[in-house]
Amino acid sequence: MSLVSPYTSEVDAAEHRFFEAAGFAVLGGAHLDISDGFRLAEPEPATLFRLGLDGWNGAADALIISCLNTRSHTVVAALEQTIGKPVITSTQATLWHALRLAGIKDSLPGYGRLLQEH
């Protein structure tokens, strides 16, 4: 996988270690070095799209965009189209899980493969 975030290098490195300890190979990564919790919501979609591309490694099976406080869900479809692989974001995965807990399995086009599959 490739893993990107808006976080500082220290938090980003901790996330990489977490996924590696869980058995995932983290092949690529990038971060924005934001330390203020409120500022995590500031990156525009174009910045998040560029972050995804900057951290993408073509040998990865998927791109993960970490952080619930970003608007990463707005760039999932465009990133998937560009890299040709699944993109999973914290926001999108949380929504997917909440919908499944509520018994809702409807497809939500435009927000990536995860929310399009039943």
C-alpha atoms as a PDB file:
ATOM      1  CA  MET A   1       0.000   0.000   0.000  1.00  0.00           C
ATOM      2  CA  SER A   2       0.871   3.656  -0.210  1.00  0.00           C
ATOM      3  CA  LEU A   3      -0.113   5.772   2.790  1.00  0.00           C
ATOM      4  CA  VAL A   4      -0.507   9.556   2.868  1.00  0.00           C
ATOM      5  CA  SER A   5      -1.695  11.978   5.525  1.00  0.00           C
ATOM      6  CA  PRO A   6      -1.868  15.660   6.388  1.00  0.00           C
ATOM      7  CA  TYR A   7       0.006  14.969   9.637  1.00  0.00           C
ATOM      8  CA  THR A   8       3.494  15.804  10.851  1.00  0.00           C
ATOM      9  CA  SER A   9       6.386  13.551   9.932  1.00  0.00           C
ATOM     10  CA  GLU A  10       6.325  12.014  13.426  1.00  0.00           C
ATOM     11  CA  VAL A  11       2.630  11.088  13.272  1.00  0.00           C
ATOM     12  CA  ASP A  12       2.986   9.956   9.668  1.00  0.00           C
ATOM     13  CA  ALA A  13       5.900   7.685  10.626  1.00  0.00           C
ATOM     14  CA  ALA A  14       3.853   6.238  13.505  1.00  0.00           C
ATOM     15  CA  GLU A  15       1.039   5.396  11.085  1.00  0.00           C
ATOM     16  CA  HIS A  16       3.503   3.670   8.764  1.00  0.00           C
ATOM     17  CA  ARG A  17       4.829   1.610  11.687  1.00  0.00           C
ATOM     18  CA  PHE A  18       1.259   0.701  12.713  1.00  0.00           C
ATOM     19  CA  PHE A  19       0.357  -0.639   9.272  1.00  0.00           C
ATOM     20  CA  GLU A  20       3.686  -2.427   8.911  1.00  0.00           C
ATOM     21  CA  ALA A  21       3.214  -4.080  12.323  1.00  0.00           C
ATOM     22  CA  ALA A  22      -0.212  -5.240  11.097  1.00  0.00           C
ATOM     23  CA  GLY A  23       1.509  -6.998   8.201  1.00  0.00           C
ATOM     24  CA  PHE A  24       1.126  -4.453   5.405  1.00  0.00           C
ATOM     25  CA  ALA A  25       4.021  -3.375   3.216  1.00  0.00           C
ATOM     26  CA  VAL A  26       3.993   0.423   3.008  1.00  0.00           C
ATOM     27  CA  LEU A  27       5.634   1.148  -0.343  1.00  0.00           C
ATOM     28  CA  GLY A  28       5.004   4.863  -0.658  1.00  0.00           C
ATOM     29  CA  GLY A  29       4.011   7.845   1.391  1.00  0.00           C
ATOM     30  CA  ALA A  30       3.772  11.585   1.744  1.00  0.00           C
ATOM     31  CA  HIS A  31       2.485  14.023   4.349  1.00  0.00           C
ATOM     32  CA  LEU A  32       1.646  17.716   4.673  1.00  0.00           C
ATOM     33  CA  ASP A  33       3.291  18.337   8.083  1.00  0.00           C
ATOM     34  CA  ILE A  34       0.215  19.928   9.705  1.00  0.00           C
ATOM     35  CA  SER A  35       0.270  19.840  13.500  1.00  0.00           C
ATOM     36  CA  ASP A  36      -2.789  21.941  14.429  1.00  0.00           C
ATOM     37  CA  GLY A  37      -5.989  19.884  14.598  1.00  0.00           C
ATOM     38  CA  PHE A  38      -8.165  22.654  13.130  1.00  0.00           C
ATOM     39  CA  ARG A  39      -5.740  23.228  10.241  1.00  0.00           C
ATOM     40  CA  LEU A  40      -6.105  19.573   9.192  1.00  0.00           C
ATOM     41  CA  ALA A  41      -9.378  20.607   7.551  1.00  0.00           C
ATOM     42  CA  GLU A  42      -7.742  23.366   5.482  1.00  0.00           C
ATOM     43  CA  PRO A  43      -6.158  21.491   2.558  1.00  0.00           C
ATOM     44  CA  GLU A  44      -8.189  22.015  -0.582  1.00  0.00           C
ATOM     45  CA  PRO A  45      -9.172  19.011  -2.716  1.00  0.00           C
ATOM     46  CA  ALA A  46      -6.437  19.872  -5.242  1.00  0.00           C
ATOM     47  CA  THR A  47      -3.847  19.687  -2.459  1.00  0.00           C
ATOM     48  CA  LEU A  48      -5.200  16.336  -1.278  1.00  0.00           C
ATOM     49  CA  PHE A  49      -5.205  14.997  -4.834  1.00  0.00           C
ATOM     50  CA  ARG A  50      -1.559  16.077  -5.255  1.00  0.00           C
ATOM     51  CA  LEU A  51      -0.720  14.512  -1.861  1.00  0.00           C
ATOM     52  CA  GLY A  52      -2.145  11.211  -3.066  1.00  0.00           C
ATOM     53  CA  LEU A  53      -0.109  11.323  -6.260  1.00  0.00           C
ATOM     54  CA  ASP A  54       3.047  12.399  -4.423  1.00  0.00           C
ATOM     55  CA  GLY A  55       2.814   9.413  -2.091  1.00  0.00           C
ATOM     56  CA  TRP A  56       1.703   6.871  -4.678  1.00  0.00           C
ATOM     57  CA  ASN A  57       3.975   3.960  -5.529  1.00  0.00           C
ATOM     58  CA  GLY A  58       2.864   2.117  -8.661  1.00  0.00           C
ATOM     59  CA  ALA A  59       3.758  -1.240  -7.094  1.00  0.00           C
ATOM     60  CA  ALA A  60       1.152  -0.728  -4.340  1.00  0.00           C
ATOM     61  CA  ASP A  61      -2.256  -2.422  -4.370  1.00  0.00           C
ATOM     62  CA  ALA A  62      -4.083   0.562  -2.852  1.00  0.00           C
ATOM     63  CA  LEU A  63      -3.708   4.128  -1.625  1.00  0.00           C
ATOM     64  CA  ILE A  64      -4.757   5.001   1.928  1.00  0.00           C
ATOM     65  CA  ILE A  65      -5.467   8.620   2.864  1.00  0.00           C
ATOM     66  CA  SER A  66      -5.484   8.985   6.613  1.00  0.00           C
ATOM     67  CA  CYS A  67      -7.329  11.604   8.735  1.00  0.00           C
ATOM     68  CA  LEU A  68     -11.038  12.116   9.361  1.00  0.00           C
ATOM     69  CA  ASN A  69     -10.666  15.895   9.389  1.00  0.00           C
ATOM     70  CA  THR A  70      -9.848  16.304   5.691  1.00  0.00           C
ATOM     71  CA  ARG A  71     -12.088  16.459   2.643  1.00  0.00           C
ATOM     72  CA  SER A  72     -10.314  13.475   1.125  1.00  0.00           C
ATOM     73  CA  HIS A  73     -13.622  11.905   0.090  1.00  0.00           C
ATOM     74  CA  THR A  74     -13.835  14.582  -2.610  1.00  0.00           C
ATOM     75  CA  VAL A  75     -10.789  13.222  -4.463  1.00  0.00           C
ATOM     76  CA  VAL A  76     -11.275   9.453  -4.134  1.00  0.00           C
ATOM     77  CA  ALA A  77     -12.884   8.895  -7.539  1.00  0.00           C
ATOM     78  CA  ALA A  78     -10.364  11.084  -9.383  1.00  0.00           C
ATOM     79  CA  LEU A  79      -7.422   9.383  -7.683  1.00  0.00           C
ATOM     80  CA  GLU A  80      -8.802   5.916  -8.434  1.00  0.00           C
ATOM     81  CA  GLN A  81      -9.238   6.875 -12.065  1.00  0.00           C
ATOM     82  CA  THR A  82      -5.701   8.285 -12.227  1.00  0.00           C
ATOM     83  CA  ILE A  83      -3.817   5.484 -10.445  1.00  0.00           C
ATOM     84  CA  GLY A  84      -6.094   2.610 -11.449  1.00  0.00           C
ATOM     85  CA  LYS A  85      -6.191   1.157  -7.925  1.00  0.00           C
ATOM     86  CA  PRO A  86      -8.522   1.432  -4.922  1.00  0.00           C
ATOM     87  CA  VAL A  87      -8.278   4.495  -2.713  1.00  0.00           C
ATOM     88  CA  ILE A  88      -9.468   4.242   0.875  1.00  0.00           C
ATOM     89  CA  THR A  89      -9.836   7.307   3.083  1.00  0.00           C
ATOM     90  CA  SER A  90     -10.601   7.556   6.781  1.00  0.00           C
ATOM     91  CA  THR A  91     -13.780   9.502   6.023  1.00  0.00           C
ATOM     92  CA  GLN A  92     -14.995   7.113   3.341  1.00  0.00           C
ATOM     93  CA  ALA A  93     -14.207   3.983   5.399  1.00  0.00           C
ATOM     94  CA  THR A  94     -15.976   5.418   8.457  1.00  0.00           C
ATOM     95  CA  LEU A  95     -19.065   6.196   6.385  1.00  0.00           C
ATOM     96  CA  TRP A  96     -18.972   2.707   4.825  1.00  0.00           C
ATOM     97  CA  HIS A  97     -18.801   1.105   8.282  1.00  0.00           C
ATOM     98  CA  ALA A  98     -21.588   3.281   9.725  1.00  0.00           C
ATOM     99  CA  LEU A  99     -23.847   2.455   6.791  1.00  0.00           C
ATOM    100  CA  ARG A 100     -23.176  -1.264   7.151  1.00  0.00           C
ATOM    101  CA  LEU A 101     -23.881  -1.120  10.899  1.00  0.00           C
ATOM    102  CA  ALA A 102     -27.214   0.513  10.029  1.00  0.00           C
ATOM    103  CA  GLY A 103     -27.951  -2.275   7.551  1.00  0.00           C
ATOM    104  CA  ILE A 104     -27.600  -0.013   4.517  1.00  0.00           C
ATOM    105  CA  LYS A 105     -25.778  -1.600   1.604  1.00  0.00           C
ATOM    106  CA  ASP A 106     -26.742   0.844  -1.139  1.00  0.00           C
ATOM    107  CA  SER A 107     -24.136   1.936  -3.652  1.00  0.00           C
ATOM    108  CA  LEU A 108     -22.909   5.546  -3.441  1.00  0.00           C
ATOM    109  CA  PRO A 109     -21.319   6.391  -6.796  1.00  0.00           C
ATOM    110  CA  GLY A 110     -18.657   9.067  -6.959  1.00  0.00           C
ATOM    111  CA  TYR A 111     -16.860   8.249  -3.728  1.00  0.00           C
ATOM    112  CA  GLY A 112     -14.670   5.357  -4.807  1.00  0.00           C
ATOM    113  CA  ARG A 113     -14.909   1.613  -5.191  1.00  0.00           C
ATOM    114  CA  LEU A 114     -15.532   0.961  -1.503  1.00  0.00           C
ATOM    115  CA  LEU A 115     -18.854   2.823  -1.527  1.00  0.00           C
ATOM    116  CA  GLN A 116     -19.897   1.495  -4.929  1.00  0.00           C
ATOM    117  CA  GLU A 117     -19.752  -2.176  -3.963  1.00  0.00           C
ATOM    118  CA  HIS A 118     -22.664  -3.870  -2.238  1.00  0.00           C
END
